[in-house]
PDB file of N, CA and C in Angstrom:
ATOM      1  N   MET A   1     118.846 106.925  75.416  1.00  0.00           N
ATOM      2  CA  MET A   1     118.136 107.385  76.584  1.00  0.00           C
ATOM      3  C   MET A   1     118.662 106.638  77.807  1.00  0.00           C
ATOM      4  N   LYS A   2     118.867 107.356  78.902  1.00  0.00           N
ATOM      5  CA  LYS A   2     119.440 106.740  80.098  1.00  0.00           C
ATOM      6  C   LYS A   2     118.511 105.700  80.700  1.00  0.00           C
ATOM      7  N   ASN A   3     117.499 106.111  81.435  1.00  0.00           N
ATOM      8  CA  ASN A   3     116.553 105.179  82.032  1.00  0.00           C
ATOM      9  C   ASN A   3     115.153 105.780  81.923  1.00  0.00           C
ATOM     10  N   PRO A   4     114.306 105.217  81.068  1.00  0.00           N
ATOM     11  CA  PRO A   4     112.981 105.795  80.879  1.00  0.00           C
ATOM     12  C   PRO A   4     112.012 105.505  82.025  1.00  0.00           C
ATOM     13  N   LEU A   5     112.333 104.556  82.905  1.00  0.00           N
ATOM     14  CA  LEU A   5     111.423 104.200  83.996  1.00  0.00           C
ATOM     15  C   LEU A   5     111.483 105.254  85.094  1.00  0.00           C
ATOM     16  N   LEU A   6     110.318 105.782  85.491  1.00  0.00           N
ATOM     17  CA  LEU A   6     110.275 106.743  86.583  1.00  0.00           C
ATOM     18  C   LEU A   6     109.861 106.072  87.889  1.00  0.00           C
ATOM     19  N   ARG A   7     108.747 105.334  87.871  1.00  0.00           N
ATOM     20  CA  ARG A   7     108.273 104.643  89.071  1.00  0.00           C
ATOM     21  C   ARG A   7     107.185 103.648  88.687  1.00  0.00           C
ATOM     22  N   PRO A   8     106.930 102.664  89.542  1.00  0.00           N
ATOM     23  CA  PRO A   8     105.810 101.763  89.285  1.00  0.00           C
ATOM     24  C   PRO A   8     104.495 102.481  89.562  1.00  0.00           C
ATOM     25  N   TRP A   9     103.452 102.088  88.859  1.00  0.00           N
ATOM     26  CA  TRP A   9     102.122 102.660  89.035  1.00  0.00           C
ATOM     27  C   TRP A   9     101.305 101.636  89.814  1.00  0.00           C
ATOM     28  N   LEU A  10     101.183 101.861  91.115  1.00  0.00           N
ATOM     29  CA  LEU A  10     100.528 100.903  91.992  1.00  0.00           C
ATOM     30  C   LEU A  10      99.117 101.379  92.326  1.00  0.00           C
ATOM     31  N   THR A  11      98.144 100.835  91.620  1.00  0.00           N
ATOM     32  CA  THR A  11      96.737 101.109  91.867  1.00  0.00           C
ATOM     33  C   THR A  11      96.019  99.778  92.015  1.00  0.00           C
ATOM     34  N   GLU A  12      94.754  99.846  92.346  1.00  0.00           N
ATOM     35  CA  GLU A  12      93.972  98.624  92.481  1.00  0.00           C
ATOM     36  C   GLU A  12      93.898  97.881  91.142  1.00  0.00           C
ATOM     37  N   LYS A  13      93.707  98.636  90.089  1.00  0.00           N
ATOM     38  CA  LYS A  13      93.592  98.028  88.762  1.00  0.00           C
ATOM     39  C   LYS A  13      94.919  97.426  88.301  1.00  0.00           C
ATOM     40  N   SER A  14      96.030  98.134  88.514  1.00  0.00           N
ATOM     41  CA  SER A  14      97.322  97.602  88.079  1.00  0.00           C
ATOM     42  C   SER A  14      97.738  96.391  88.912  1.00  0.00           C
ATOM     43  N   THR A  15      97.377  96.378  90.181  1.00  0.00           N
ATOM     44  CA  THR A  15      97.666  95.210  91.020  1.00  0.00           C
ATOM     45  C   THR A  15      96.871  94.004  90.548  1.00  0.00           C
ATOM     46  N   GLY A  16      95.632  94.228  90.123  1.00  0.00           N
ATOM     47  CA  GLY A  16      94.818  93.149  89.560  1.00  0.00           C
ATOM     48  C   GLY A  16      95.425  92.595  88.283  1.00  0.00           C
ATOM     49  N   LEU A  17      95.979  93.467  87.439  1.00  0.00           N
ATOM     50  CA  LEU A  17      96.651  93.014  86.215  1.00  0.00           C
ATOM     51  C   LEU A  17      97.853  92.139  86.550  1.00  0.00           C
ATOM     52  N   THR A  18      98.574  92.526  87.592  1.00  0.00           N
ATOM     53  CA  THR A  18      99.750  91.761  88.006  1.00  0.00           C
ATOM     54  C   THR A  18      99.348  90.373  88.483  1.00  0.00           C
ATOM     55  N   GLU A  19      98.301  90.294  89.294  1.00  0.00           N
ATOM     56  CA  GLU A  19      97.877  89.011  89.853  1.00  0.00           C
ATOM     57  C   GLU A  19      97.258  88.095  88.809  1.00  0.00           C
ATOM     58  N   LYS A  20      96.453  88.645  87.910  1.00  0.00           N
ATOM     59  CA  LYS A  20      95.711  87.815  86.953  1.00  0.00           C
ATOM     60  C   LYS A  20      96.489  87.509  85.681  1.00  0.00           C
ATOM     61  N   LYS A  21      97.194  88.510  85.147  1.00  0.00           N
ATOM     62  CA  LYS A  21      97.804  88.350  83.827  1.00  0.00           C
ATOM     63  C   LYS A  21      99.321  88.452  83.824  1.00  0.00           C
ATOM     64  N   GLY A  22      99.927  88.754  84.954  1.00  0.00           N
ATOM     65  CA  GLY A  22     101.376  88.898  84.998  1.00  0.00           C
ATOM     66  C   GLY A  22     101.867  90.139  84.282  1.00  0.00           C
ATOM     67  N   GLN A  23     101.050  91.206  84.310  1.00  0.00           N
ATOM     68  CA  GLN A  23     101.430  92.458  83.674  1.00  0.00           C
ATOM     69  C   GLN A  23     101.779  93.487  84.751  1.00  0.00           C
ATOM     70  N   TYR A  24     102.769  94.322  84.467  1.00  0.00           N
ATOM     71  CA  TYR A  24     103.235  95.325  85.407  1.00  0.00           C
ATOM     72  C   TYR A  24     103.135  96.688  84.750  1.00  0.00           C
ATOM     73  N   VAL A  25     102.761  97.706  85.537  1.00  0.00           N
ATOM     74  CA  VAL A  25     102.533  99.048  85.008  1.00  0.00           C
ATOM     75  C   VAL A  25     103.565 100.002  85.608  1.00  0.00           C
ATOM     76  N   PHE A  26     104.187 100.795  84.739  1.00  0.00           N
ATOM     77  CA  PHE A  26     105.188 101.777  85.143  1.00  0.00           C
ATOM     78  C   PHE A  26     104.849 103.133  84.550  1.00  0.00           C
ATOM     79  N   ILE A  27     105.205 104.201  85.262  1.00  0.00           N
ATOM     80  CA  ILE A  27     105.193 105.543  84.706  1.00  0.00           C
ATOM     81  C   ILE A  27     106.558 105.732  84.051  1.00  0.00           C
ATOM     82  N   VAL A  28     106.556 106.174  82.800  1.00  0.00           N
ATOM     83  CA  VAL A  28     107.803 106.341  82.060  1.00  0.00           C
ATOM     84  C   VAL A  28     107.897 107.761  81.525  1.00  0.00           C
ATOM     85  N   LYS A  29     109.068 108.118  81.053  1.00  0.00           N
ATOM     86  CA  LYS A  29     109.268 109.441  80.468  1.00  0.00           C
ATOM     87  C   LYS A  29     108.440 109.560  79.185  1.00  0.00           C
ATOM     88  N   PRO A  30     107.865 110.730  78.931  1.00  0.00           N
ATOM     89  CA  PRO A  30     106.990 110.890  77.757  1.00  0.00           C
ATOM     90  C   PRO A  30     107.660 110.646  76.411  1.00  0.00           C
ATOM     91  N   ASP A  31     108.980 110.819  76.323  1.00  0.00           N
ATOM     92  CA  ASP A  31     109.664 110.621  75.045  1.00  0.00           C
ATOM     93  C   ASP A  31     110.232 109.210  74.896  1.00  0.00           C
ATOM     94  N   ALA A  32     109.940 108.315  75.843  1.00  0.00           N
ATOM     95  CA  ALA A  32     110.457 106.939  75.777  1.00  0.00           C
ATOM     96  C   ALA A  32     109.677 106.124  74.743  1.00  0.00           C
ATOM     97  N   ASP A  33     110.388 105.268  74.024  1.00  0.00           N
ATOM     98  CA  ASP A  33     109.692 104.368  73.098  1.00  0.00           C
ATOM     99  C   ASP A  33     109.720 102.945  73.667  1.00  0.00           C
ATOM    100  N   LYS A  34     108.999 102.042  73.021  1.00  0.00           N
ATOM    101  CA  LYS A  34     108.815 100.689  73.539  1.00  0.00           C
ATOM    102  C   LYS A  34     110.131  99.926  73.677  1.00  0.00           C
ATOM    103  N   THR A  35     111.031 100.117  72.746  1.00  0.00           N
ATOM    104  CA  THR A  35     112.315  99.421  72.794  1.00  0.00           C
ATOM    105  C   THR A  35     113.135  99.866  74.003  1.00  0.00           C
ATOM    106  N   ASP A  36     113.182 101.179  74.258  1.00  0.00           N
ATOM    107  CA  ASP A  36     113.912 101.688  75.416  1.00  0.00           C
ATOM    108  C   ASP A  36     113.329 101.143  76.718  1.00  0.00           C
ATOM    109  N   ILE A  37     112.007 101.097  76.797  1.00  0.00           N
ATOM    110  CA  ILE A  37     111.339 100.601  78.002  1.00  0.00           C
ATOM    111  C   ILE A  37     111.648  99.125  78.213  1.00  0.00           C
ATOM    112  N   LYS A  38     111.595  98.342  77.145  1.00  0.00           N
ATOM    113  CA  LYS A  38     111.877  96.907  77.240  1.00  0.00           C
ATOM    114  C   LYS A  38     113.297  96.659  77.738  1.00  0.00           C
ATOM    115  N   ILE A  39     114.261  97.356  77.171  1.00  0.00           N
ATOM    116  CA  ILE A  39     115.657  97.188  77.553  1.00  0.00           C
ATOM    117  C   ILE A  39     115.865  97.593  79.014  1.00  0.00           C
ATOM    118  N   ALA A  40     115.237  98.688  79.442  1.00  0.00           N
ATOM    119  CA  ALA A  40     115.399  99.163  80.817  1.00  0.00           C
ATOM    120  C   ALA A  40     114.823  98.174  81.831  1.00  0.00           C
ATOM    121  N   VAL A  41     113.659  97.599  81.547  1.00  0.00           N
ATOM    122  CA  VAL A  41     113.042  96.633  82.465  1.00  0.00           C
ATOM    123  C   VAL A  41     113.885  95.364  82.532  1.00  0.00           C
ATOM    124  N   GLU A  42     114.342  94.883  81.388  1.00  0.00           N
ATOM    125  CA  GLU A  42     115.157  93.665  81.370  1.00  0.00           C
ATOM    126  C   GLU A  42     116.470  93.872  82.128  1.00  0.00           C
ATOM    127  N   LYS A  43     117.082  95.046  81.972  1.00  0.00           N
ATOM    128  CA  LYS A  43     118.349  95.314  82.645  1.00  0.00           C
ATOM    129  C   LYS A  43     118.153  95.508  84.157  1.00  0.00           C
ATOM    130  N   LYS A  44     117.131  96.266  84.553  1.00  0.00           N
ATOM    131  CA  LYS A  44     116.940  96.574  85.969  1.00  0.00           C
ATOM    132  C   LYS A  44     116.461  95.374  86.783  1.00  0.00           C
ATOM    133  N   PHE A  45     115.521  94.592  86.236  1.00  0.00           N
ATOM    134  CA  PHE A  45     114.914  93.512  87.006  1.00  0.00           C
ATOM    135  C   PHE A  45     115.398  92.121  86.601  1.00  0.00           C
ATOM    136  N   GLY A  46     116.146  91.995  85.518  1.00  0.00           N
ATOM    137  CA  GLY A  46     116.672  90.704  85.091  1.00  0.00           C
ATOM    138  C   GLY A  46     115.602  89.730  84.640  1.00  0.00           C
ATOM    139  N   VAL A  47     114.611  90.211  83.916  1.00  0.00           N
ATOM    140  CA  VAL A  47     113.515  89.372  83.418  1.00  0.00           C
ATOM    141  C   VAL A  47     113.461  89.459  81.902  1.00  0.00           C
ATOM    142  N   GLU A  48     112.651  88.592  81.284  1.00  0.00           N
ATOM    143  CA  GLU A  48     112.436  88.644  79.843  1.00  0.00           C
ATOM    144  C   GLU A  48     111.064  89.260  79.580  1.00  0.00           C
ATOM    145  N   VAL A  49     111.034  90.319  78.798  1.00  0.00           N
ATOM    146  CA  VAL A  49     109.798  91.025  78.494  1.00  0.00           C
ATOM    147  C   VAL A  49     109.178  90.439  77.234  1.00  0.00           C
ATOM    148  N   LYS A  50     107.908  90.095  77.329  1.00  0.00           N
ATOM    149  CA  LYS A  50     107.183  89.544  76.181  1.00  0.00           C
ATOM    150  C   LYS A  50     106.637  90.671  75.306  1.00  0.00           C
ATOM    151  N   SER A  51     106.001  91.671  75.932  1.00  0.00           N
ATOM    152  CA  SER A  51     105.464  92.789  75.153  1.00  0.00           C
ATOM    153  C   SER A  51     105.396  94.052  76.001  1.00  0.00           C
ATOM    154  N   VAL A  52     105.322  95.189  75.315  1.00  0.00           N
ATOM    155  CA  VAL A  52     105.202  96.498  75.955  1.00  0.00           C
ATOM    156  C   VAL A  52     104.083  97.256  75.257  1.00  0.00           C
ATOM    157  N   ARG A  53     103.144  97.759  76.047  1.00  0.00           N
ATOM    158  CA  ARG A  53     102.090  98.633  75.523  1.00  0.00           C
ATOM    159  C   ARG A  53     102.215  99.969  76.220  1.00  0.00           C
ATOM    160  N   THR A  54     102.006 101.052  75.495  1.00  0.00           N
ATOM    161  CA  THR A  54     102.136 102.384  76.087  1.00  0.00           C
ATOM    162  C   THR A  54     100.838 103.168  75.922  1.00  0.00           C
ATOM    163  N   VAL A  55     100.599 104.074  76.875  1.00  0.00           N
ATOM    164  CA  VAL A  55      99.426 104.938  76.857  1.00  0.00           C
ATOM    165  C   VAL A  55      99.882 106.346  77.192  1.00  0.00           C
ATOM    166  N   ASN A  56      99.557 107.315  76.334  1.00  0.00           N
ATOM    167  CA  ASN A  56      99.826 108.716  76.624  1.00  0.00           C
ATOM    168  C   ASN A  56      98.623 109.285  77.358  1.00  0.00           C
ATOM    169  N   CYS A  57      98.840 109.801  78.560  1.00  0.00           N
ATOM    170  CA  CYS A  57      97.765 110.335  79.391  1.00  0.00           C
ATOM    171  C   CYS A  57      97.895 111.855  79.433  1.00  0.00           C
ATOM    172  N   LEU A  58      96.797 112.539  79.161  1.00  0.00           N
ATOM    173  CA  LEU A  58      96.802 113.993  79.166  1.00  0.00           C
ATOM    174  C   LEU A  58      96.588 114.507  80.576  1.00  0.00           C
ATOM    175  N   GLY A  59      97.305 115.568  80.945  1.00  0.00           N
ATOM    176  CA  GLY A  59      97.151 116.173  82.262  1.00  0.00           C
ATOM    177  C   GLY A  59      95.816 116.885  82.374  1.00  0.00           C
ATOM    178  N   LYS A  60      95.266 116.890  83.566  1.00  0.00           N
ATOM    179  CA  LYS A  60      93.964 117.513  83.802  1.00  0.00           C
ATOM    180  C   LYS A  60      94.088 119.029  83.869  1.00  0.00           C
ATOM    181  N   SER A  61      93.030 119.713  83.437  1.00  0.00           N
ATOM    182  CA  SER A  61      92.955 121.165  83.588  1.00  0.00           C
ATOM    183  C   SER A  61      92.464 121.477  84.995  1.00  0.00           C
ATOM    184  N   ARG A  62      93.035 122.516  85.589  1.00  0.00           N
ATOM    185  CA  ARG A  62      92.655 122.918  86.934  1.00  0.00           C
ATOM    186  C   ARG A  62      92.315 124.404  86.922  1.00  0.00           C
ATOM    187  N   SER A  63      91.332 124.785  87.727  1.00  0.00           N
ATOM    188  CA  SER A  63      91.027 126.196  87.878  1.00  0.00           C
ATOM    189  C   SER A  63      90.801 126.499  89.351  1.00  0.00           C
ATOM    190  N   GLN A  64      91.167 127.717  89.737  1.00  0.00           N
ATOM    191  CA  GLN A  64      91.049 128.119  91.127  1.00  0.00           C
ATOM    192  C   GLN A  64      90.522 129.548  91.144  1.00  0.00           C
ATOM    193  N   ASN A  65      89.481 129.765  91.929  1.00  0.00           N
ATOM    194  CA  ASN A  65      88.902 131.088  92.033  1.00  0.00           C
ATOM    195  C   ASN A  65      89.532 131.814  93.211  1.00  0.00           C
ATOM    196  N   THR A  66      90.178 132.956  92.949  1.00  0.00           N
ATOM    197  CA  THR A  66      90.833 133.730  93.994  1.00  0.00           C
ATOM    198  C   THR A  66      90.288 135.157  93.983  1.00  0.00           C
ATOM    199  N   ARG A  67      90.783 135.974  94.873  1.00  0.00           N
ATOM    200  CA  ARG A  67      90.348 137.377  94.906  1.00  0.00           C
ATOM    201  C   ARG A  67      90.709 138.110  93.631  1.00  0.00           C
ATOM    202  N   LYS A  68      91.822 137.725  93.039  1.00  0.00           N
ATOM    203  CA  LYS A  68      92.275 138.386  91.816  1.00  0.00           C
ATOM    204  C   LYS A  68      91.527 137.901  90.590  1.00  0.00           C
ATOM    205  N   GLY A  69      90.758 136.843  90.738  1.00  0.00           N
ATOM    206  CA  GLY A  69      90.011 136.304  89.601  1.00  0.00           C
ATOM    207  C   GLY A  69      90.290 134.822  89.426  1.00  0.00           C
ATOM    208  N   LEU A  70      89.865 134.315  88.316  1.00  0.00           N
ATOM    209  CA  LEU A  70      90.000 132.893  88.025  1.00  0.00           C
ATOM    210  C   LEU A  70      91.409 132.591  87.506  1.00  0.00           C
ATOM    211  N   ILE A  71      92.075 131.640  88.160  1.00  0.00           N
ATOM    212  CA  ILE A  71      93.399 131.211  87.725  1.00  0.00           C
ATOM    213  C   ILE A  71      93.244 129.814  87.133  1.00  0.00           C
ATOM    214  N   THR A  72      93.701 129.641  85.911  1.00  0.00           N
ATOM    215  CA  THR A  72      93.620 128.326  85.276  1.00  0.00           C
ATOM    216  C   THR A  72      95.016 127.786  85.045  1.00  0.00           C
ATOM    217  N   GLY A  73      95.118 126.492  85.080  1.00  0.00           N
ATOM    218  CA  GLY A  73      96.395 125.841  84.859  1.00  0.00           C
ATOM    219  C   GLY A  73      96.177 124.435  84.352  1.00  0.00           C
ATOM    220  N   LYS A  74      97.257 123.704  84.177  1.00  0.00           N
ATOM    221  CA  LYS A  74      97.163 122.355  83.645  1.00  0.00           C
ATOM    222  C   LYS A  74      98.252 121.504  84.279  1.00  0.00           C
ATOM    223  N   LYS A  75      97.879 120.285  84.662  1.00  0.00           N
ATOM    224  CA  LYS A  75      98.877 119.344  85.163  1.00  0.00           C
ATOM    225  C   LYS A  75      99.660 118.786  83.984  1.00  0.00           C
ATOM    226  N   SER A  76     100.821 118.242  84.254  1.00  0.00           N
ATOM    227  CA  SER A  76     101.690 117.737  83.191  1.00  0.00           C
ATOM    228  C   SER A  76     101.100 116.497  82.521  1.00  0.00           C
ATOM    229  N   ASP A  77     101.397 116.349  81.233  1.00  0.00           N
ATOM    230  CA  ASP A  77     101.072 115.114  80.527  1.00  0.00           C
ATOM    231  C   ASP A  77     102.058 114.042  80.978  1.00  0.00           C
ATOM    232  N   TRP A  78     101.643 112.775  80.940  1.00  0.00           N
ATOM    233  CA  TRP A  78     102.515 111.694  81.359  1.00  0.00           C
ATOM    234  C   TRP A  78     102.251 110.461  80.515  1.00  0.00           C
ATOM    235  N   LYS A  79     103.125 109.475  80.653  1.00  0.00           N
ATOM    236  CA  LYS A  79     103.049 108.271  79.843  1.00  0.00           C
ATOM    237  C   LYS A  79     103.125 107.050  80.746  1.00  0.00           C
ATOM    238  N   LYS A  80     102.324 106.046  80.423  1.00  0.00           N
ATOM    239  CA  LYS A  80     102.256 104.825  81.211  1.00  0.00           C
ATOM    240  C   LYS A  80     102.601 103.659  80.300  1.00  0.00           C
ATOM    241  N   ALA A  81     103.381 102.707  80.827  1.00  0.00           N
ATOM    242  CA  ALA A  81     103.763 101.517  80.055  1.00  0.00           C
ATOM    243  C   ALA A  81     103.259 100.278  80.781  1.00  0.00           C
ATOM    244  N   ILE A  82     102.607  99.380  80.031  1.00  0.00           N
ATOM    245  CA  ILE A  82     102.124  98.117  80.570  1.00  0.00           C
ATOM    246  C   ILE A  82     103.030  97.029  80.031  1.00  0.00           C
ATOM    247  N   ILE A  83     103.755  96.369  80.941  1.00  0.00           N
ATOM    248  CA  ILE A  83     104.768  95.383  80.591  1.00  0.00           C
ATOM    249  C   ILE A  83     104.210  93.989  80.829  1.00  0.00           C
ATOM    250  N   THR A  84     104.297  93.120  79.828  1.00  0.00           N
ATOM    251  CA  THR A  84     103.941  91.721  79.990  1.00  0.00           C
ATOM    252  C   THR A  84     105.222  90.907  79.993  1.00  0.00           C
ATOM    253  N   LEU A  85     105.399  90.098  81.041  1.00  0.00           N
ATOM    254  CA  LEU A  85     106.592  89.265  81.150  1.00  0.00           C
ATOM    255  C   LEU A  85     106.323  87.879  80.597  1.00  0.00           C
ATOM    256  N   LYS A  86     107.405  87.173  80.269  1.00  0.00           N
ATOM    257  CA  LYS A  86     107.269  85.793  79.833  1.00  0.00           C
ATOM    258  C   LYS A  86     106.820  84.938  81.013  1.00  0.00           C
ATOM    259  N   LYS A  87     106.306  83.757  80.728  1.00  0.00           N
ATOM    260  CA  LYS A  87     105.694  82.893  81.727  1.00  0.00           C
ATOM    261  C   LYS A  87     106.645  82.579  82.889  1.00  0.00           C
ATOM    262  N   ASP A  88     106.080  82.451  84.079  1.00  0.00           N
ATOM    263  CA  ASP A  88     106.793  82.074  85.309  1.00  0.00           C
ATOM    264  C   ASP A  88     107.838  83.097  85.746  1.00  0.00           C
ATOM    265  N   GLN A  89     107.623  84.367  85.443  1.00  0.00           N
ATOM    266  CA  GLN A  89     108.531  85.409  85.910  1.00  0.00           C
ATOM    267  C   GLN A  89     107.708  86.487  86.612  1.00  0.00           C
ATOM    268  N   SER A  90     108.328  87.146  87.582  1.00  0.00           N
ATOM    269  CA  SER A  90     107.645  88.226  88.282  1.00  0.00           C
ATOM    270  C   SER A  90     108.668  89.266  88.730  1.00  0.00           C
ATOM    271  N   ILE A  91     108.161  90.434  89.086  1.00  0.00           N
ATOM    272  CA  ILE A  91     108.999  91.538  89.544  1.00  0.00           C
ATOM    273  C   ILE A  91     108.589  91.884  90.963  1.00  0.00           C
ATOM    274  N   ASP A  92     109.584  92.063  91.836  1.00  0.00           N
ATOM    275  CA  ASP A  92     109.337  92.554  93.180  1.00  0.00           C
ATOM    276  C   ASP A  92     109.731  94.026  93.175  1.00  0.00           C
ATOM    277  N   TYR A  93     108.744  94.925  93.208  1.00  0.00           N
ATOM    278  CA  TYR A  93     109.005  96.360  93.116  1.00  0.00           C
ATOM    279  C   TYR A  93     109.909  96.858  94.235  1.00  0.00           C
ATOM    280  N   TYR A  94     109.746  96.308  95.429  1.00  0.00           N
ATOM    281  CA  TYR A  94     110.401  96.858  96.604  1.00  0.00           C
ATOM    282  C   TYR A  94     111.875  96.501  96.704  1.00  0.00           C
ATOM    283  N   SER A  95     112.261  95.316  96.250  1.00  0.00           N
ATOM    284  CA  SER A  95     113.672  94.958  96.318  1.00  0.00           C
ATOM    285  C   SER A  95     114.388  95.240  94.999  1.00  0.00           C
ATOM    286  N   GLY A  96     113.624  95.515  93.932  1.00  0.00           N
ATOM    287  CA  GLY A  96     114.230  95.805  92.640  1.00  0.00           C
ATOM    288  C   GLY A  96     114.783  94.567  91.954  1.00  0.00           C
ATOM    289  N   SER A  97     114.224  93.384  92.266  1.00  0.00           N
ATOM    290  CA  SER A  97     114.718  92.164  91.661  1.00  0.00           C
ATOM    291  C   SER A  97     113.571  91.349  91.096  1.00  0.00           C
ATOM    292  N   ALA A  98     113.944  90.325  90.357  1.00  0.00           N
ATOM    293  CA  ALA A  98     112.946  89.458  89.728  1.00  0.00           C
ATOM    294  C   ALA A  98     112.966  88.094  90.385  1.00  0.00           C
ATOM    295  N   GLN A  99     111.856  87.365  90.233  1.00  0.00           N
ATOM    296  CA  GLN A  99     111.760  86.032  90.774  1.00  0.00           C
ATOM    297  C   GLN A  99     111.170  85.120  89.715  1.00  0.00           C
ATOM    298  N   LYS A 100     111.654  83.883  89.716  1.00  0.00           N
ATOM    299  CA  LYS A 100     111.091  82.865  88.827  1.00  0.00           C
ATOM    300  C   LYS A 100     110.260  81.911  89.661  1.00  0.00           C
ATOM    301  N   SER A 101     109.064  81.625  89.212  1.00  0.00           N
ATOM    302  CA  SER A 101     108.194  80.701  89.934  1.00  0.00           C
ATOM    303  C   SER A 101     108.579  79.277  89.597  1.00  0.00           C
ATOM    304  N   GLU A 102     108.509  78.433  90.576  1.00  0.00           N
ATOM    305  CA  GLU A 102     108.766  77.016  90.344  1.00  0.00           C
ATOM    306  C   GLU A 102     107.489  76.254  90.612  1.00  0.00           C
ATOM    307  N   GLY A 103     107.166  75.327  89.729  1.00  0.00           N
ATOM    308  CA  GLY A 103     105.993  74.536  90.006  1.00  0.00           C
ATOM    309  C   GLY A 103     105.230  74.295  88.823  1.00  0.00           C
TER     310      GLY A 103
END
């Protein structure tokens, strides 16, 4: 697989995970496995990954009432990966690089 990482998932909850536990959340391709995700994060950001947890999220059903009647549809399913890094390491999403804490 080329690169399973699609984008970082920046929410209030994921930012809290980053600050408290050093965990980072990414949206990944649905067919990606944990090994592919680990290798991609280590290669892109130059960090050591301690663990990877994945969650398959189902797309929501949507309906819209129009003149022609009720139109129903579904948003795409997606996958989220929660990455835990080894101690004293962090990822800067905006520059695409990693930093080691000193102290």
